[in-house]
Amino acid sequence: MDDIPICPILLAGGTGSLLWPLSRTLMPKQFIRLIGNQTMLQQTLQRICPT
């Protein structure tokens, strides 16, 4: 069981209505900086592949 590699997959999409008016069609929520200097997508990638 230890030999099976884990391959993270990031799913993003939707209409952005939950974070409106911040999230819109031209600025989806994954590209918004809510906390800190990084976007939500950058924070997620940092958790997956910390450097």
PDB file of N, CA and C in Angstrom:
ATOM      1  N   MET A   1       0.818  -1.191   0.000  1.00  0.00           N
ATOM      2  CA  MET A   1       0.000   0.000   0.000  1.00  0.00           C
ATOM      3  C   MET A   1       0.861   1.254   0.000  1.00  0.00           C
ATOM      4  N   ASP A   2       2.099   1.175   0.528  1.00  0.00           N
ATOM      5  CA  ASP A   2       2.971   2.338   0.574  1.00  0.00           C
ATOM      6  C   ASP A   2       3.528   2.714  -0.793  1.00  0.00           C
ATOM      7  N   ASP A   3       3.470   1.805  -1.785  1.00  0.00           N
ATOM      8  CA  ASP A   3       4.050   2.088  -3.106  1.00  0.00           C
ATOM      9  C   ASP A   3       3.116   2.897  -4.001  1.00  0.00           C
ATOM     10  N   ILE A   4       1.879   3.053  -3.624  1.00  0.00           N
ATOM     11  CA  ILE A   4       0.914   3.736  -4.483  1.00  0.00           C
ATOM     12  C   ILE A   4       1.117   5.252  -4.370  1.00  0.00           C
ATOM     13  N   PRO A   5       1.501   5.893  -5.494  1.00  0.00           N
ATOM     14  CA  PRO A   5       1.710   7.349  -5.429  1.00  0.00           C
ATOM     15  C   PRO A   5       0.381   8.098  -5.338  1.00  0.00           C
ATOM     16  N   ILE A   6       0.428   9.196  -4.639  1.00  0.00           N
ATOM     17  CA  ILE A   6      -0.750  10.048  -4.529  1.00  0.00           C
ATOM     18  C   ILE A   6      -0.612  11.167  -5.550  1.00  0.00           C
ATOM     19  N   CYS A   7      -1.635  11.384  -6.325  1.00  0.00           N
ATOM     20  CA  CYS A   7      -1.631  12.422  -7.355  1.00  0.00           C
ATOM     21  C   CYS A   7      -2.742  13.425  -7.042  1.00  0.00           C
ATOM     22  N   PRO A   8      -2.399  14.579  -6.449  1.00  0.00           N
ATOM     23  CA  PRO A   8      -3.431  15.572  -6.124  1.00  0.00           C
ATOM     24  C   PRO A   8      -4.065  16.146  -7.396  1.00  0.00           C
ATOM     25  N   ILE A   9      -5.349  16.396  -7.319  1.00  0.00           N
ATOM     26  CA  ILE A   9      -6.094  17.006  -8.422  1.00  0.00           C
ATOM     27  C   ILE A   9      -6.836  18.205  -7.859  1.00  0.00           C
ATOM     28  N   LEU A  10      -6.660  19.360  -8.490  1.00  0.00           N
ATOM     29  CA  LEU A  10      -7.356  20.570  -8.059  1.00  0.00           C
ATOM     30  C   LEU A  10      -8.575  20.780  -8.946  1.00  0.00           C
ATOM     31  N   LEU A  11      -9.720  20.871  -8.326  1.00  0.00           N
ATOM     32  CA  LEU A  11     -10.950  21.117  -9.060  1.00  0.00           C
ATOM     33  C   LEU A  11     -11.405  22.542  -8.779  1.00  0.00           C
ATOM     34  N   ALA A  12     -11.777  23.245  -9.810  1.00  0.00           N
ATOM     35  CA  ALA A  12     -12.246  24.617  -9.640  1.00  0.00           C
ATOM     36  C   ALA A  12     -13.337  24.869 -10.672  1.00  0.00           C
ATOM     37  N   GLY A  13     -14.275  25.686 -10.304  1.00  0.00           N
ATOM     38  CA  GLY A  13     -15.337  26.009 -11.243  1.00  0.00           C
ATOM     39  C   GLY A  13     -16.515  26.609 -10.514  1.00  0.00           C
ATOM     40  N   GLY A  14     -17.577  26.746 -11.206  1.00  0.00           N
ATOM     41  CA  GLY A  14     -18.780  27.316 -10.624  1.00  0.00           C
ATOM     42  C   GLY A  14     -19.029  28.729 -11.114  1.00  0.00           C
ATOM     43  N   THR A  15     -20.099  29.316 -10.632  1.00  0.00           N
ATOM     44  CA  THR A  15     -20.488  30.637 -11.098  1.00  0.00           C
ATOM     45  C   THR A  15     -19.927  31.753 -10.242  1.00  0.00           C
ATOM     46  N   GLY A  16     -19.378  31.436  -9.086  1.00  0.00           N
ATOM     47  CA  GLY A  16     -18.825  32.461  -8.207  1.00  0.00           C
ATOM     48  C   GLY A  16     -19.871  33.176  -7.380  1.00  0.00           C
ATOM     49  N   SER A  17     -21.063  32.632  -7.293  1.00  0.00           N
ATOM     50  CA  SER A  17     -22.144  33.326  -6.592  1.00  0.00           C
ATOM     51  C   SER A  17     -21.976  33.316  -5.067  1.00  0.00           C
ATOM     52  N   LEU A  18     -21.223  32.372  -4.517  1.00  0.00           N
ATOM     53  CA  LEU A  18     -21.074  32.310  -3.059  1.00  0.00           C
ATOM     54  C   LEU A  18     -20.191  33.421  -2.510  1.00  0.00           C
ATOM     55  N   LEU A  19     -19.241  33.898  -3.290  1.00  0.00           N
ATOM     56  CA  LEU A  19     -18.356  34.969  -2.841  1.00  0.00           C
ATOM     57  C   LEU A  19     -18.638  36.285  -3.569  1.00  0.00           C
ATOM     58  N   TRP A  20     -19.795  36.400  -4.199  1.00  0.00           N
ATOM     59  CA  TRP A  20     -20.144  37.635  -4.886  1.00  0.00           C
ATOM     60  C   TRP A  20     -20.263  38.743  -3.856  1.00  0.00           C
ATOM     61  N   PRO A  21     -19.787  39.935  -4.057  1.00  0.00           N
ATOM     62  CA  PRO A  21     -19.308  40.518  -5.314  1.00  0.00           C
ATOM     63  C   PRO A  21     -17.812  40.356  -5.555  1.00  0.00           C
ATOM     64  N   LEU A  22     -17.076  39.689  -4.649  1.00  0.00           N
ATOM     65  CA  LEU A  22     -15.648  39.502  -4.894  1.00  0.00           C
ATOM     66  C   LEU A  22     -15.388  38.590  -6.082  1.00  0.00           C
ATOM     67  N   SER A  23     -16.052  37.453  -6.112  1.00  0.00           N
ATOM     68  CA  SER A  23     -15.851  36.469  -7.168  1.00  0.00           C
ATOM     69  C   SER A  23     -16.855  36.712  -8.285  1.00  0.00           C
ATOM     70  N   ARG A  24     -16.335  36.845  -9.469  1.00  0.00           N
ATOM     71  CA  ARG A  24     -17.185  37.060 -10.650  1.00  0.00           C
ATOM     72  C   ARG A  24     -16.663  36.207 -11.782  1.00  0.00           C
ATOM     73  N   THR A  25     -17.334  36.252 -12.930  1.00  0.00           N
ATOM     74  CA  THR A  25     -16.931  35.451 -14.080  1.00  0.00           C
ATOM     75  C   THR A  25     -15.501  35.762 -14.497  1.00  0.00           C
ATOM     76  N   LEU A  26     -15.129  37.041 -14.508  1.00  0.00           N
ATOM     77  CA  LEU A  26     -13.791  37.420 -14.934  1.00  0.00           C
ATOM     78  C   LEU A  26     -12.743  37.303 -13.829  1.00  0.00           C
ATOM     79  N   MET A  27     -13.163  37.128 -12.587  1.00  0.00           N
ATOM     80  CA  MET A  27     -12.234  36.966 -11.462  1.00  0.00           C
ATOM     81  C   MET A  27     -12.759  35.867 -10.552  1.00  0.00           C
ATOM     82  N   PRO A  28     -12.534  34.595 -10.944  1.00  0.00           N
ATOM     83  CA  PRO A  28     -13.026  33.469 -10.132  1.00  0.00           C
ATOM     84  C   PRO A  28     -12.384  33.453  -8.752  1.00  0.00           C
ATOM     85  N   LYS A  29     -13.052  32.808  -7.812  1.00  0.00           N
ATOM     86  CA  LYS A  29     -12.609  32.831  -6.420  1.00  0.00           C
ATOM     87  C   LYS A  29     -11.214  32.251  -6.226  1.00  0.00           C
ATOM     88  N   GLN A  30     -10.780  31.312  -7.041  1.00  0.00           N
ATOM     89  CA  GLN A  30      -9.451  30.739  -6.846  1.00  0.00           C
ATOM     90  C   GLN A  30      -8.331  31.740  -7.138  1.00  0.00           C
ATOM     91  N   PHE A  31      -8.645  32.864  -7.798  1.00  0.00           N
ATOM     92  CA  PHE A  31      -7.642  33.890  -8.101  1.00  0.00           C
ATOM     93  C   PHE A  31      -7.756  35.106  -7.190  1.00  0.00           C
ATOM     94  N   ILE A  32      -8.556  35.009  -6.144  1.00  0.00           N
ATOM     95  CA  ILE A  32      -8.743  36.118  -5.210  1.00  0.00           C
ATOM     96  C   ILE A  32      -7.813  35.931  -4.017  1.00  0.00           C
ATOM     97  N   ARG A  33      -7.237  37.026  -3.552  1.00  0.00           N
ATOM     98  CA  ARG A  33      -6.416  37.002  -2.340  1.00  0.00           C
ATOM     99  C   ARG A  33      -7.323  37.327  -1.156  1.00  0.00           C
ATOM    100  N   LEU A  34      -7.772  36.318  -0.453  1.00  0.00           N
ATOM    101  CA  LEU A  34      -8.645  36.531   0.701  1.00  0.00           C
ATOM    102  C   LEU A  34      -7.852  36.688   1.981  1.00  0.00           C
ATOM    103  N   ILE A  35      -6.846  35.827   2.159  1.00  0.00           N
ATOM    104  CA  ILE A  35      -6.026  35.836   3.368  1.00  0.00           C
ATOM    105  C   ILE A  35      -4.560  35.862   2.934  1.00  0.00           C
ATOM    106  N   GLY A  36      -3.829  36.873   3.329  1.00  0.00           N
ATOM    107  CA  GLY A  36      -2.411  36.951   3.004  1.00  0.00           C
ATOM    108  C   GLY A  36      -2.153  37.505   1.615  1.00  0.00           C
ATOM    109  N   ASN A  37      -0.940  37.247   1.122  1.00  0.00           N
ATOM    110  CA  ASN A  37      -0.503  37.795  -0.163  1.00  0.00           C
ATOM    111  C   ASN A  37      -0.693  36.849  -1.334  1.00  0.00           C
ATOM    112  N   GLN A  38      -1.108  35.616  -1.057  1.00  0.00           N
ATOM    113  CA  GLN A  38      -1.275  34.632  -2.115  1.00  0.00           C
ATOM    114  C   GLN A  38      -2.755  34.425  -2.432  1.00  0.00           C
ATOM    115  N   THR A  39      -3.008  34.021  -3.674  1.00  0.00           N
ATOM    116  CA  THR A  39      -4.378  33.686  -4.066  1.00  0.00           C
ATOM    117  C   THR A  39      -4.758  32.358  -3.426  1.00  0.00           C
ATOM    118  N   MET A  40      -6.029  32.032  -3.468  1.00  0.00           N
ATOM    119  CA  MET A  40      -6.487  30.758  -2.907  1.00  0.00           C
ATOM    120  C   MET A  40      -5.844  29.585  -3.644  1.00  0.00           C
ATOM    121  N   LEU A  41      -5.650  29.720  -4.960  1.00  0.00           N
ATOM    122  CA  LEU A  41      -5.007  28.669  -5.748  1.00  0.00           C
ATOM    123  C   LEU A  41      -3.544  28.518  -5.334  1.00  0.00           C
ATOM    124  N   GLN A  42      -2.831  29.617  -5.141  1.00  0.00           N
ATOM    125  CA  GLN A  42      -1.435  29.553  -4.710  1.00  0.00           C
ATOM    126  C   GLN A  42      -1.314  28.915  -3.332  1.00  0.00           C
ATOM    127  N   GLN A  43      -2.233  29.226  -2.426  1.00  0.00           N
ATOM    128  CA  GLN A  43      -2.197  28.627  -1.093  1.00  0.00           C
ATOM    129  C   GLN A  43      -2.429  27.126  -1.172  1.00  0.00           C
ATOM    130  N   THR A  44      -3.327  26.702  -2.034  1.00  0.00           N
ATOM    131  CA  THR A  44      -3.603  25.270  -2.202  1.00  0.00           C
ATOM    132  C   THR A  44      -2.374  24.551  -2.760  1.00  0.00           C
ATOM    133  N   LEU A  45      -1.752  25.139  -3.775  1.00  0.00           N
ATOM    134  CA  LEU A  45      -0.541  24.531  -4.361  1.00  0.00           C
ATOM    135  C   LEU A  45       0.581  24.467  -3.340  1.00  0.00           C
ATOM    136  N   GLN A  46       0.690  25.477  -2.499  1.00  0.00           N
ATOM    137  CA  GLN A  46       1.717  25.489  -1.449  1.00  0.00           C
ATOM    138  C   GLN A  46       1.489  24.363  -0.446  1.00  0.00           C
ATOM    139  N   ARG A  47       0.233  24.064  -0.131  1.00  0.00           N
ATOM    140  CA  ARG A  47      -0.062  22.956   0.784  1.00  0.00           C
ATOM    141  C   ARG A  47       0.282  21.612   0.153  1.00  0.00           C
ATOM    142  N   ILE A  48       0.092  21.500  -1.173  1.00  0.00           N
ATOM    143  CA  ILE A  48       0.373  20.234  -1.866  1.00  0.00           C
ATOM    144  C   ILE A  48       1.876  20.017  -2.029  1.00  0.00           C
ATOM    145  N   CYS A  49       2.589  21.072  -2.440  1.00  0.00           N
ATOM    146  CA  CYS A  49       4.020  20.985  -2.719  1.00  0.00           C
ATOM    147  C   CYS A  49       4.780  22.058  -1.959  1.00  0.00           C
ATOM    148  N   PRO A  50       4.948  21.932  -0.660  1.00  0.00           N
ATOM    149  CA  PRO A  50       5.682  22.951   0.085  1.00  0.00           C
ATOM    150  C   PRO A  50       7.149  22.963  -0.331  1.00  0.00           C
ATOM    151  N   THR A  51       7.721  24.163  -0.404  1.00  0.00           N
ATOM    152  CA  THR A  51       9.139  24.261  -0.801  1.00  0.00           C
ATOM    153  C   THR A  51       9.967  24.831   0.313  1.00  0.00           C
TER     154      THR A  51
END
